[in-house]
């Protein structure tokens, strides 16, 4: 445990040095920073936006915002937390601008109606499960499960208290668990669909 803290502090110090170089105009340092975080931000954006092309565009826009606003980052704080906050705000703005939330709901309802006629629950995927959630709940789930962030880090990104984040996460888990139980108990669902 102590070794992990030392590694994390060393990594944060290294990031702070890179950020200081970026603030001094070093473009190579920025390229190094992009290389370090690009994949994580792409995965995060994809889970938020649920569209490969939009996620790829979002990653470029997020790093552009990061570069333009790097002076707002305070050394000594979590850079990844700051970057995820930029990514979160950008993705939420995209969802609002493009009315993606409404399209997702309409798409989900259409898929649900089709599923009642001919169900293939064996093909349930992570994207189907994420489609059951609001953008903010999806964000929390992605940060906690896929990015393995602590509740404290997530609370800073989402600008709320850690206890609020923890309670919301538990509500999301219960909601998804209940949905899976309902699906398992449905007479149209093959019982092997949930044994993977």
N, C-alpha and C. Protein backbone atom coordinates (compact mmCIF):
# COMPACT_ATOMS: atom_id res chain seq x y z
N UNK A 1 0.83 -1.19 0.00
CA UNK A 1 0.00 0.00 0.00
C UNK A 1 0.87 1.26 0.00
N UNK A 2 1.90 1.23 0.85
CA UNK A 2 2.78 2.39 0.93
C UNK A 2 3.56 2.56 -0.37
N UNK A 3 3.95 1.44 -0.98
CA UNK A 3 4.66 1.48 -2.26
C UNK A 3 3.81 2.09 -3.35
N UNK A 4 2.50 1.78 -3.33
CA UNK A 4 1.58 2.36 -4.32
C UNK A 4 1.51 3.87 -4.16
N UNK A 5 1.44 4.34 -2.91
CA UNK A 5 1.39 5.79 -2.66
C UNK A 5 2.65 6.47 -3.15
N UNK A 6 3.80 5.83 -2.95
CA UNK A 6 5.06 6.41 -3.41
C UNK A 6 5.07 6.49 -4.94
N UNK A 7 4.62 5.40 -5.60
CA UNK A 7 4.55 5.39 -7.06
C UNK A 7 3.62 6.48 -7.57
N UNK A 8 2.47 6.61 -6.90
CA UNK A 8 1.49 7.61 -7.32
C UNK A 8 2.05 9.02 -7.13
N UNK A 9 2.71 9.28 -6.01
CA UNK A 9 3.29 10.60 -5.77
C UNK A 9 4.39 10.90 -6.78
N UNK A 10 5.19 9.88 -7.10
CA UNK A 10 6.25 10.05 -8.09
C UNK A 10 5.65 10.36 -9.46
N UNK A 11 4.57 9.66 -9.80
CA UNK A 11 3.90 9.89 -11.08
C UNK A 11 3.30 11.30 -11.13
N UNK A 12 2.68 11.73 -10.01
CA UNK A 12 2.09 13.07 -9.96
C UNK A 12 3.18 14.15 -10.08
N UNK A 13 4.33 13.92 -9.45
CA UNK A 13 5.45 14.86 -9.53
C UNK A 13 5.94 14.95 -10.97
N UNK A 14 6.04 13.80 -11.63
CA UNK A 14 6.47 13.77 -13.03
C UNK A 14 5.48 14.54 -13.91
N UNK A 15 4.19 14.35 -13.68
CA UNK A 15 3.17 15.07 -14.45
C UNK A 15 3.27 16.57 -14.18
N UNK A 16 3.50 16.94 -12.92
CA UNK A 16 3.64 18.37 -12.60
C UNK A 16 4.82 19.00 -13.34
N UNK A 17 5.90 18.25 -13.48
CA UNK A 17 7.07 18.75 -14.22
C UNK A 17 6.71 18.94 -15.69
N UNK A 18 6.01 17.96 -16.26
CA UNK A 18 5.58 18.05 -17.66
C UNK A 18 4.64 19.24 -17.85
N UNK A 19 3.71 19.43 -16.93
CA UNK A 19 2.76 20.55 -17.02
C UNK A 19 3.50 21.88 -16.95
N UNK A 20 4.49 21.97 -16.07
CA UNK A 20 5.29 23.21 -15.98
C UNK A 20 5.99 23.49 -17.30
N UNK A 21 6.50 22.45 -17.95
CA UNK A 21 7.15 22.62 -19.26
C UNK A 21 6.14 23.08 -20.31
N UNK A 22 4.93 22.54 -20.25
CA UNK A 22 3.88 22.95 -21.20
C UNK A 22 3.54 24.42 -21.00
N UNK A 23 3.43 24.82 -19.74
CA UNK A 23 3.12 26.23 -19.43
C UNK A 23 4.22 27.16 -19.95
N UNK A 24 5.45 26.62 -20.06
CA UNK A 24 6.56 27.40 -20.61
C UNK A 24 6.63 27.33 -22.13
N UNK A 25 5.65 26.65 -22.74
CA UNK A 25 5.57 26.61 -24.21
C UNK A 25 6.20 25.39 -24.86
N UNK A 26 6.58 24.39 -24.09
CA UNK A 26 7.22 23.19 -24.64
C UNK A 26 6.15 22.27 -25.26
N UNK A 27 6.11 22.24 -26.59
CA UNK A 27 5.10 21.44 -27.30
C UNK A 27 5.40 19.95 -27.22
N UNK A 28 6.67 19.59 -27.13
CA UNK A 28 7.03 18.17 -26.99
C UNK A 28 6.49 17.61 -25.67
N UNK A 29 6.52 18.43 -24.63
CA UNK A 29 5.99 18.01 -23.33
C UNK A 29 4.49 17.75 -23.45
N UNK A 30 3.81 18.60 -24.22
CA UNK A 30 2.37 18.40 -24.41
C UNK A 30 2.11 17.10 -25.18
N UNK A 31 2.93 16.82 -26.18
CA UNK A 31 2.78 15.55 -26.92
C UNK A 31 2.94 14.36 -25.97
N UNK A 32 3.90 14.45 -25.06
CA UNK A 32 4.12 13.37 -24.09
C UNK A 32 2.89 13.20 -23.19
N UNK A 33 2.30 14.32 -22.80
CA UNK A 33 1.10 14.28 -21.96
C UNK A 33 -0.06 13.64 -22.72
N UNK A 34 -0.22 14.00 -23.98
CA UNK A 34 -1.28 13.42 -24.81
C UNK A 34 -1.07 11.91 -24.92
N UNK A 35 0.16 11.50 -25.18
CA UNK A 35 0.46 10.07 -25.30
C UNK A 35 0.11 9.32 -24.01
N UNK A 36 0.35 9.95 -22.89
CA UNK A 36 0.08 9.33 -21.59
C UNK A 36 -1.42 9.13 -21.34
N UNK A 37 -2.24 10.09 -21.74
CA UNK A 37 -3.66 10.07 -21.37
C UNK A 37 -4.63 9.84 -22.53
N UNK A 38 -4.16 9.82 -23.75
CA UNK A 38 -5.06 9.76 -24.91
C UNK A 38 -5.98 8.53 -24.89
N UNK A 39 -5.44 7.37 -24.63
CA UNK A 39 -6.25 6.16 -24.65
C UNK A 39 -7.33 6.21 -23.56
N UNK A 40 -6.96 6.62 -22.36
CA UNK A 40 -7.92 6.69 -21.26
C UNK A 40 -9.05 7.66 -21.57
N UNK A 41 -8.70 8.82 -22.12
CA UNK A 41 -9.72 9.82 -22.45
C UNK A 41 -10.58 9.34 -23.61
N UNK A 42 -10.00 8.59 -24.54
CA UNK A 42 -10.79 8.04 -25.65
C UNK A 42 -11.81 7.03 -25.12
N UNK A 43 -11.38 6.12 -24.27
CA UNK A 43 -12.29 5.12 -23.70
C UNK A 43 -13.40 5.82 -22.92
N UNK A 44 -13.01 6.78 -22.11
CA UNK A 44 -13.99 7.53 -21.32
C UNK A 44 -15.00 8.23 -22.23
N UNK A 45 -14.51 8.92 -23.25
CA UNK A 45 -15.39 9.65 -24.17
C UNK A 45 -16.31 8.70 -24.92
N UNK A 46 -15.78 7.55 -25.30
CA UNK A 46 -16.60 6.57 -26.02
C UNK A 46 -17.74 6.08 -25.14
N UNK A 47 -17.45 5.79 -23.89
CA UNK A 47 -18.50 5.32 -22.98
C UNK A 47 -19.53 6.41 -22.70
N UNK A 48 -19.09 7.63 -22.67
CA UNK A 48 -20.03 8.73 -22.44
C UNK A 48 -20.90 8.99 -23.67
N UNK A 49 -20.28 9.04 -24.84
CA UNK A 49 -20.98 9.45 -26.06
C UNK A 49 -21.57 8.26 -26.82
N UNK A 50 -21.02 7.07 -26.61
CA UNK A 50 -21.49 5.85 -27.24
C UNK A 50 -21.44 5.92 -28.76
N UNK A 51 -20.45 6.61 -29.28
CA UNK A 51 -20.28 6.74 -30.72
C UNK A 51 -18.79 6.90 -31.00
N UNK A 52 -18.25 6.00 -31.80
CA UNK A 52 -16.80 5.98 -32.04
C UNK A 52 -16.29 7.28 -32.65
N UNK A 53 -16.96 7.75 -33.71
CA UNK A 53 -16.49 8.96 -34.40
C UNK A 53 -16.60 10.18 -33.49
N UNK A 54 -17.70 10.29 -32.77
CA UNK A 54 -17.86 11.43 -31.86
C UNK A 54 -16.81 11.38 -30.76
N UNK A 55 -16.50 10.18 -30.29
CA UNK A 55 -15.49 10.04 -29.23
C UNK A 55 -14.11 10.46 -29.75
N UNK A 56 -13.79 10.07 -30.98
CA UNK A 56 -12.50 10.45 -31.56
C UNK A 56 -12.40 11.97 -31.70
N UNK A 57 -13.47 12.60 -32.18
CA UNK A 57 -13.48 14.06 -32.28
C UNK A 57 -13.38 14.70 -30.90
N UNK A 58 -14.11 14.13 -29.95
CA UNK A 58 -14.13 14.68 -28.59
C UNK A 58 -12.73 14.65 -27.97
N UNK A 59 -11.99 13.58 -28.21
CA UNK A 59 -10.64 13.47 -27.64
C UNK A 59 -9.77 14.62 -28.12
N UNK A 60 -9.83 14.91 -29.42
CA UNK A 60 -9.04 16.02 -29.96
C UNK A 60 -9.47 17.34 -29.33
N UNK A 61 -10.78 17.54 -29.22
CA UNK A 61 -11.30 18.79 -28.65
C UNK A 61 -10.94 18.91 -27.17
N UNK A 62 -10.99 17.79 -26.45
CA UNK A 62 -10.65 17.79 -25.02
C UNK A 62 -9.19 18.17 -24.82
N UNK A 63 -8.29 17.59 -25.62
CA UNK A 63 -6.87 17.93 -25.47
C UNK A 63 -6.58 19.36 -25.94
N UNK A 64 -7.34 19.85 -26.89
CA UNK A 64 -7.19 21.26 -27.28
C UNK A 64 -7.59 22.16 -26.11
N UNK A 65 -8.71 21.84 -25.47
CA UNK A 65 -9.14 22.61 -24.29
C UNK A 65 -8.11 22.49 -23.16
N UNK A 66 -7.57 21.30 -23.00
CA UNK A 66 -6.53 21.09 -21.99
C UNK A 66 -5.35 22.01 -22.25
N UNK A 67 -4.90 22.07 -23.49
CA UNK A 67 -3.75 22.91 -23.86
C UNK A 67 -4.07 24.39 -23.64
N UNK A 68 -5.27 24.79 -24.07
CA UNK A 68 -5.65 26.20 -23.96
C UNK A 68 -5.86 26.63 -22.50
N UNK A 69 -6.23 25.69 -21.64
CA UNK A 69 -6.55 26.04 -20.25
C UNK A 69 -5.59 25.44 -19.24
N UNK A 70 -4.42 25.01 -19.70
CA UNK A 70 -3.46 24.36 -18.81
C UNK A 70 -3.05 25.29 -17.65
N UNK A 71 -3.14 26.58 -17.87
CA UNK A 71 -2.80 27.54 -16.80
C UNK A 71 -3.77 27.45 -15.62
N UNK A 72 -4.95 26.85 -15.84
CA UNK A 72 -5.93 26.71 -14.76
C UNK A 72 -5.64 25.51 -13.85
N UNK A 73 -4.78 24.62 -14.31
CA UNK A 73 -4.43 23.46 -13.49
C UNK A 73 -3.49 23.91 -12.37
N UNK A 74 -3.80 23.49 -11.14
CA UNK A 74 -2.97 23.82 -9.98
C UNK A 74 -2.07 22.65 -9.66
N UNK A 75 -0.77 22.88 -9.73
CA UNK A 75 0.17 21.82 -9.42
C UNK A 75 -0.02 21.36 -7.98
N UNK A 76 0.18 20.06 -7.79
CA UNK A 76 -0.02 19.49 -6.46
C UNK A 76 -1.38 18.84 -6.33
N UNK A 77 -2.28 19.12 -7.27
CA UNK A 77 -3.58 18.44 -7.29
C UNK A 77 -3.51 17.33 -8.34
N UNK A 78 -4.53 16.53 -8.40
CA UNK A 78 -4.55 15.41 -9.35
C UNK A 78 -4.75 15.91 -10.78
N UNK A 79 -3.73 15.73 -11.62
CA UNK A 79 -3.87 16.16 -13.01
C UNK A 79 -4.93 15.32 -13.72
N UNK A 80 -4.93 14.01 -13.47
CA UNK A 80 -5.92 13.16 -14.15
C UNK A 80 -7.33 13.58 -13.73
N UNK A 81 -7.52 13.94 -12.48
CA UNK A 81 -8.83 14.44 -12.02
C UNK A 81 -9.22 15.70 -12.77
N UNK A 82 -8.26 16.61 -12.95
CA UNK A 82 -8.52 17.86 -13.69
C UNK A 82 -8.86 17.55 -15.14
N UNK A 83 -8.10 16.64 -15.75
CA UNK A 83 -8.33 16.29 -17.16
C UNK A 83 -9.68 15.60 -17.34
N UNK A 84 -10.03 14.70 -16.42
CA UNK A 84 -11.35 14.04 -16.50
C UNK A 84 -12.48 15.05 -16.31
N UNK A 85 -12.25 16.07 -15.52
CA UNK A 85 -13.26 17.12 -15.36
C UNK A 85 -13.47 17.85 -16.69
N UNK A 86 -12.38 18.16 -17.37
CA UNK A 86 -12.47 18.79 -18.70
C UNK A 86 -13.23 17.86 -19.64
N UNK A 87 -12.89 16.58 -19.62
CA UNK A 87 -13.54 15.60 -20.51
C UNK A 87 -15.02 15.46 -20.17
N UNK A 88 -15.32 15.39 -18.89
CA UNK A 88 -16.72 15.25 -18.45
C UNK A 88 -17.55 16.45 -18.93
N UNK A 89 -17.06 17.64 -18.67
CA UNK A 89 -17.80 18.85 -19.07
C UNK A 89 -17.97 18.90 -20.59
N UNK A 90 -16.94 18.52 -21.32
CA UNK A 90 -17.03 18.55 -22.78
C UNK A 90 -18.06 17.54 -23.28
N UNK A 91 -18.02 16.33 -22.75
CA UNK A 91 -18.98 15.30 -23.19
C UNK A 91 -20.41 15.67 -22.83
N UNK A 92 -20.61 16.21 -21.65
CA UNK A 92 -21.96 16.64 -21.26
C UNK A 92 -22.45 17.74 -22.19
N UNK A 93 -21.58 18.68 -22.52
CA UNK A 93 -21.98 19.74 -23.46
C UNK A 93 -22.32 19.17 -24.83
N UNK A 94 -21.57 18.18 -25.29
CA UNK A 94 -21.89 17.54 -26.57
C UNK A 94 -23.24 16.85 -26.51
N UNK A 95 -23.49 16.18 -25.41
CA UNK A 95 -24.78 15.49 -25.27
C UNK A 95 -25.93 16.48 -25.30
N UNK A 96 -25.75 17.61 -24.64
CA UNK A 96 -26.81 18.63 -24.63
C UNK A 96 -26.98 19.24 -26.02
N UNK A 97 -25.88 19.65 -26.65
CA UNK A 97 -25.94 20.32 -27.95
C UNK A 97 -26.60 19.45 -29.00
N UNK A 98 -26.27 18.21 -29.03
CA UNK A 98 -26.74 17.32 -30.09
C UNK A 98 -28.02 16.59 -29.72
N UNK A 99 -28.55 16.95 -28.58
CA UNK A 99 -29.77 16.29 -28.08
C UNK A 99 -29.62 14.78 -28.11
N UNK A 100 -28.42 14.34 -27.85
CA UNK A 100 -28.14 12.92 -27.90
C UNK A 100 -28.93 12.16 -26.84
N UNK A 101 -29.14 12.81 -25.71
CA UNK A 101 -29.89 12.15 -24.65
C UNK A 101 -31.28 11.75 -25.15
N UNK A 102 -31.94 12.67 -25.88
CA UNK A 102 -33.27 12.38 -26.40
C UNK A 102 -33.22 11.28 -27.46
N UNK A 103 -32.18 11.31 -28.28
CA UNK A 103 -32.04 10.28 -29.31
C UNK A 103 -31.81 8.91 -28.67
N UNK A 104 -31.01 8.88 -27.59
CA UNK A 104 -30.75 7.61 -26.92
C UNK A 104 -32.02 7.03 -26.31
N UNK A 105 -32.82 7.89 -25.72
CA UNK A 105 -34.08 7.43 -25.14
C UNK A 105 -35.00 6.89 -26.23
N UNK A 106 -35.11 7.61 -27.34
CA UNK A 106 -35.94 7.16 -28.45
C UNK A 106 -35.42 5.84 -29.01
N UNK A 107 -34.12 5.74 -29.17
CA UNK A 107 -33.51 4.51 -29.68
C UNK A 107 -33.75 3.35 -28.71
N UNK A 108 -33.59 3.61 -27.43
CA UNK A 108 -33.82 2.57 -26.43
C UNK A 108 -35.27 2.09 -26.47
N UNK A 109 -36.22 3.01 -26.56
CA UNK A 109 -37.64 2.62 -26.63
C UNK A 109 -37.93 1.80 -27.87
N UNK A 110 -37.34 2.19 -29.00
CA UNK A 110 -37.53 1.43 -30.24
C UNK A 110 -36.95 0.03 -30.09
N UNK A 111 -35.76 -0.05 -29.54
CA UNK A 111 -35.12 -1.35 -29.36
C UNK A 111 -35.91 -2.22 -28.38
N UNK A 112 -36.46 -1.60 -27.34
CA UNK A 112 -37.24 -2.34 -26.36
C UNK A 112 -38.51 -2.90 -26.99
N UNK A 113 -39.17 -2.09 -27.84
CA UNK A 113 -40.38 -2.56 -28.52
C UNK A 113 -40.04 -3.73 -29.45
N UNK A 114 -38.94 -3.62 -30.16
CA UNK A 114 -38.51 -4.71 -31.05
C UNK A 114 -38.13 -5.95 -30.24
N UNK A 115 -37.54 -5.73 -29.08
CA UNK A 115 -37.10 -6.85 -28.26
C UNK A 115 -38.28 -7.65 -27.73
N UNK A 116 -39.42 -7.00 -27.51
CA UNK A 116 -40.60 -7.72 -27.02
C UNK A 116 -41.11 -8.70 -28.06
N UNK A 117 -40.89 -8.38 -29.33
CA UNK A 117 -41.35 -9.27 -30.40
C UNK A 117 -40.40 -10.45 -30.58
N UNK A 118 -39.14 -10.18 -30.60
CA UNK A 118 -38.15 -11.23 -30.83
C UNK A 118 -36.93 -10.94 -29.98
N UNK A 119 -36.77 -11.67 -28.88
CA UNK A 119 -35.74 -11.37 -27.90
C UNK A 119 -34.51 -12.26 -28.11
N UNK A 120 -33.36 -11.59 -28.11
CA UNK A 120 -32.11 -12.32 -28.13
C UNK A 120 -31.25 -11.75 -27.01
N UNK A 121 -31.53 -12.17 -25.79
CA UNK A 121 -30.86 -11.60 -24.63
C UNK A 121 -29.41 -12.05 -24.52
N UNK A 122 -29.04 -13.07 -25.27
CA UNK A 122 -27.65 -13.50 -25.23
C UNK A 122 -26.73 -12.43 -25.79
N UNK A 123 -27.30 -11.51 -26.56
CA UNK A 123 -26.47 -10.46 -27.17
C UNK A 123 -26.44 -9.19 -26.33
N UNK A 124 -26.95 -9.25 -25.09
CA UNK A 124 -26.86 -8.06 -24.23
C UNK A 124 -25.40 -7.68 -24.09
N UNK A 125 -25.12 -6.40 -24.23
CA UNK A 125 -23.74 -5.94 -24.16
C UNK A 125 -23.61 -4.83 -23.13
N UNK A 126 -22.39 -4.42 -22.93
CA UNK A 126 -22.13 -3.31 -22.02
C UNK A 126 -22.86 -2.07 -22.50
N UNK A 127 -22.87 -1.85 -23.81
CA UNK A 127 -23.55 -0.66 -24.34
C UNK A 127 -25.05 -0.71 -24.06
N UNK A 128 -25.66 -1.90 -24.11
CA UNK A 128 -27.08 -2.03 -23.79
C UNK A 128 -27.32 -1.63 -22.33
N UNK A 129 -26.46 -2.11 -21.46
CA UNK A 129 -26.59 -1.79 -20.04
C UNK A 129 -26.39 -0.30 -19.81
N UNK A 130 -25.38 0.29 -20.45
CA UNK A 130 -25.13 1.72 -20.30
C UNK A 130 -26.30 2.54 -20.84
N UNK A 131 -27.00 1.99 -21.84
CA UNK A 131 -28.14 2.69 -22.41
C UNK A 131 -29.30 2.84 -21.44
N UNK A 132 -29.30 2.06 -20.37
CA UNK A 132 -30.35 2.16 -19.36
C UNK A 132 -30.14 3.35 -18.43
N UNK A 133 -28.97 3.96 -18.50
CA UNK A 133 -28.60 5.00 -17.54
C UNK A 133 -28.61 6.39 -18.16
N UNK A 134 -28.78 7.38 -17.29
CA UNK A 134 -28.65 8.77 -17.73
C UNK A 134 -27.17 9.05 -17.99
N UNK A 135 -26.88 10.15 -18.64
CA UNK A 135 -25.49 10.50 -18.95
C UNK A 135 -24.66 10.63 -17.68
N UNK A 136 -25.21 11.25 -16.64
CA UNK A 136 -24.45 11.42 -15.40
C UNK A 136 -24.20 10.09 -14.70
N UNK A 137 -25.23 9.21 -14.69
CA UNK A 137 -25.04 7.90 -14.08
C UNK A 137 -24.04 7.07 -14.88
N UNK A 138 -24.10 7.18 -16.20
CA UNK A 138 -23.16 6.48 -17.07
C UNK A 138 -21.74 6.97 -16.77
N UNK A 139 -21.59 8.27 -16.61
CA UNK A 139 -20.30 8.87 -16.29
C UNK A 139 -19.75 8.28 -14.99
N UNK A 140 -20.58 8.26 -13.96
CA UNK A 140 -20.14 7.74 -12.66
C UNK A 140 -19.72 6.28 -12.79
N UNK A 141 -20.52 5.48 -13.48
CA UNK A 141 -20.22 4.06 -13.64
C UNK A 141 -18.91 3.85 -14.41
N UNK A 142 -18.71 4.59 -15.47
CA UNK A 142 -17.49 4.46 -16.27
C UNK A 142 -16.27 4.85 -15.44
N UNK A 143 -16.36 5.97 -14.72
CA UNK A 143 -15.21 6.42 -13.91
C UNK A 143 -14.88 5.42 -12.81
N UNK A 144 -15.90 4.86 -12.19
CA UNK A 144 -15.66 3.94 -11.07
C UNK A 144 -15.22 2.55 -11.55
N UNK A 145 -15.94 2.00 -12.53
CA UNK A 145 -15.69 0.61 -12.94
C UNK A 145 -14.55 0.50 -13.95
N UNK A 146 -14.60 1.28 -15.02
CA UNK A 146 -13.60 1.12 -16.07
C UNK A 146 -12.32 1.90 -15.79
N UNK A 147 -12.46 3.10 -15.26
CA UNK A 147 -11.27 3.91 -14.98
C UNK A 147 -10.72 3.66 -13.58
N UNK A 148 -11.48 2.94 -12.74
CA UNK A 148 -11.06 2.55 -11.40
C UNK A 148 -10.66 3.75 -10.53
N UNK A 149 -11.43 4.83 -10.64
CA UNK A 149 -11.16 6.01 -9.82
C UNK A 149 -11.84 5.85 -8.46
N UNK A 150 -11.29 6.51 -7.46
CA UNK A 150 -11.89 6.48 -6.12
C UNK A 150 -13.11 7.40 -6.09
N UNK A 151 -13.93 7.22 -5.06
CA UNK A 151 -15.10 8.09 -4.92
C UNK A 151 -14.67 9.55 -4.72
N UNK A 152 -13.53 9.76 -4.04
CA UNK A 152 -13.03 11.12 -3.85
C UNK A 152 -12.67 11.77 -5.18
N UNK A 153 -11.96 11.02 -6.04
CA UNK A 153 -11.58 11.56 -7.35
C UNK A 153 -12.82 11.85 -8.20
N UNK A 154 -13.77 10.92 -8.17
CA UNK A 154 -15.00 11.11 -8.95
C UNK A 154 -15.77 12.31 -8.43
N UNK A 155 -15.80 12.50 -7.12
CA UNK A 155 -16.54 13.64 -6.55
C UNK A 155 -15.94 14.96 -7.01
N UNK A 156 -14.60 15.02 -7.16
CA UNK A 156 -13.98 16.26 -7.65
C UNK A 156 -14.33 16.49 -9.12
N UNK A 157 -14.36 15.41 -9.90
CA UNK A 157 -14.70 15.53 -11.31
C UNK A 157 -16.15 15.97 -11.48
N UNK A 158 -17.04 15.38 -10.69
CA UNK A 158 -18.47 15.66 -10.84
C UNK A 158 -18.93 16.83 -9.97
N UNK A 159 -18.00 17.40 -9.21
CA UNK A 159 -18.28 18.56 -8.38
C UNK A 159 -19.40 18.30 -7.37
N UNK A 160 -19.25 17.22 -6.59
CA UNK A 160 -20.20 16.92 -5.52
C UNK A 160 -19.46 16.17 -4.42
N UNK A 161 -20.15 15.87 -3.34
CA UNK A 161 -19.52 15.24 -2.18
C UNK A 161 -19.27 13.75 -2.44
N UNK A 162 -18.19 13.20 -1.87
CA UNK A 162 -17.91 11.77 -2.04
C UNK A 162 -19.05 10.88 -1.56
N UNK A 163 -19.73 11.27 -0.48
CA UNK A 163 -20.86 10.46 0.01
C UNK A 163 -22.00 10.44 -1.01
N UNK A 164 -22.21 11.57 -1.68
CA UNK A 164 -23.23 11.63 -2.73
C UNK A 164 -22.88 10.69 -3.86
N UNK A 165 -21.61 10.70 -4.26
CA UNK A 165 -21.15 9.82 -5.34
C UNK A 165 -21.33 8.36 -4.94
N UNK A 166 -20.94 8.04 -3.72
CA UNK A 166 -21.05 6.65 -3.24
C UNK A 166 -22.52 6.19 -3.23
N UNK A 167 -23.42 7.05 -2.75
CA UNK A 167 -24.85 6.69 -2.71
C UNK A 167 -25.41 6.53 -4.12
N UNK A 168 -25.04 7.44 -5.03
CA UNK A 168 -25.51 7.32 -6.42
C UNK A 168 -25.00 6.05 -7.06
N UNK A 169 -23.75 5.71 -6.78
CA UNK A 169 -23.18 4.48 -7.34
C UNK A 169 -23.95 3.26 -6.85
N UNK A 170 -24.27 3.24 -5.56
CA UNK A 170 -25.04 2.11 -5.02
C UNK A 170 -26.43 2.05 -5.64
N UNK A 171 -27.07 3.20 -5.87
CA UNK A 171 -28.39 3.22 -6.52
C UNK A 171 -28.29 2.68 -7.94
N UNK A 172 -27.25 3.05 -8.65
CA UNK A 172 -27.05 2.56 -10.01
C UNK A 172 -26.89 1.04 -10.00
N UNK A 173 -26.07 0.54 -9.08
CA UNK A 173 -25.86 -0.91 -8.99
C UNK A 173 -27.17 -1.63 -8.72
N UNK A 174 -27.97 -1.10 -7.79
CA UNK A 174 -29.26 -1.73 -7.47
C UNK A 174 -30.19 -1.70 -8.67
N UNK A 175 -30.21 -0.57 -9.38
CA UNK A 175 -31.08 -0.43 -10.55
C UNK A 175 -30.70 -1.46 -11.61
N UNK A 176 -29.42 -1.59 -11.89
CA UNK A 176 -28.96 -2.54 -12.90
C UNK A 176 -29.22 -3.99 -12.45
N UNK A 177 -29.02 -4.25 -11.18
CA UNK A 177 -29.27 -5.59 -10.65
C UNK A 177 -30.75 -5.95 -10.79
N UNK A 178 -31.63 -5.03 -10.44
CA UNK A 178 -33.07 -5.27 -10.56
C UNK A 178 -33.46 -5.51 -12.02
N UNK A 179 -32.88 -4.74 -12.92
CA UNK A 179 -33.17 -4.90 -14.35
C UNK A 179 -32.73 -6.28 -14.82
N UNK A 180 -31.58 -6.73 -14.39
CA UNK A 180 -31.09 -8.05 -14.79
C UNK A 180 -31.98 -9.15 -14.21
N UNK A 181 -32.45 -8.98 -12.97
CA UNK A 181 -33.35 -9.96 -12.36
C UNK A 181 -34.66 -10.02 -13.15
N UNK A 182 -35.20 -8.84 -13.51
CA UNK A 182 -36.43 -8.80 -14.30
C UNK A 182 -36.23 -9.53 -15.62
N UNK A 183 -35.11 -9.31 -16.26
CA UNK A 183 -34.85 -9.96 -17.54
C UNK A 183 -34.70 -11.47 -17.37
N UNK A 184 -34.03 -11.88 -16.30
CA UNK A 184 -33.84 -13.31 -16.06
C UNK A 184 -35.16 -14.02 -15.79
N UNK A 185 -36.09 -13.32 -15.12
CA UNK A 185 -37.37 -13.93 -14.76
C UNK A 185 -38.38 -13.90 -15.90
N UNK A 186 -38.08 -13.18 -16.95
CA UNK A 186 -38.99 -13.10 -18.09
C UNK A 186 -39.09 -14.47 -18.75
N UNK A 187 -40.33 -14.93 -19.07
CA UNK A 187 -40.49 -16.26 -19.68
C UNK A 187 -39.88 -16.35 -21.08
N UNK A 188 -39.63 -15.23 -21.74
CA UNK A 188 -39.09 -15.23 -23.10
C UNK A 188 -37.57 -15.28 -23.14
N UNK A 189 -36.94 -15.20 -21.98
CA UNK A 189 -35.48 -15.12 -21.94
C UNK A 189 -34.89 -16.51 -21.73
N UNK A 190 -34.02 -16.94 -22.63
CA UNK A 190 -33.34 -18.22 -22.42
C UNK A 190 -32.46 -18.13 -21.18
N UNK A 191 -32.56 -19.11 -20.30
CA UNK A 191 -31.82 -19.07 -19.03
C UNK A 191 -30.31 -19.07 -19.24
N UNK A 192 -29.85 -19.53 -20.38
CA UNK A 192 -28.41 -19.54 -20.65
C UNK A 192 -27.89 -18.17 -21.02
N UNK A 193 -28.78 -17.21 -21.26
CA UNK A 193 -28.35 -15.89 -21.71
C UNK A 193 -27.52 -15.17 -20.67
N UNK A 194 -27.68 -15.53 -19.38
CA UNK A 194 -26.98 -14.81 -18.33
C UNK A 194 -25.84 -15.63 -17.73
N UNK A 195 -25.53 -16.75 -18.32
CA UNK A 195 -24.44 -17.59 -17.81
C UNK A 195 -23.27 -17.52 -18.76
N UNK A 196 -22.43 -16.51 -18.61
CA UNK A 196 -21.29 -16.33 -19.52
C UNK A 196 -20.01 -16.56 -18.79
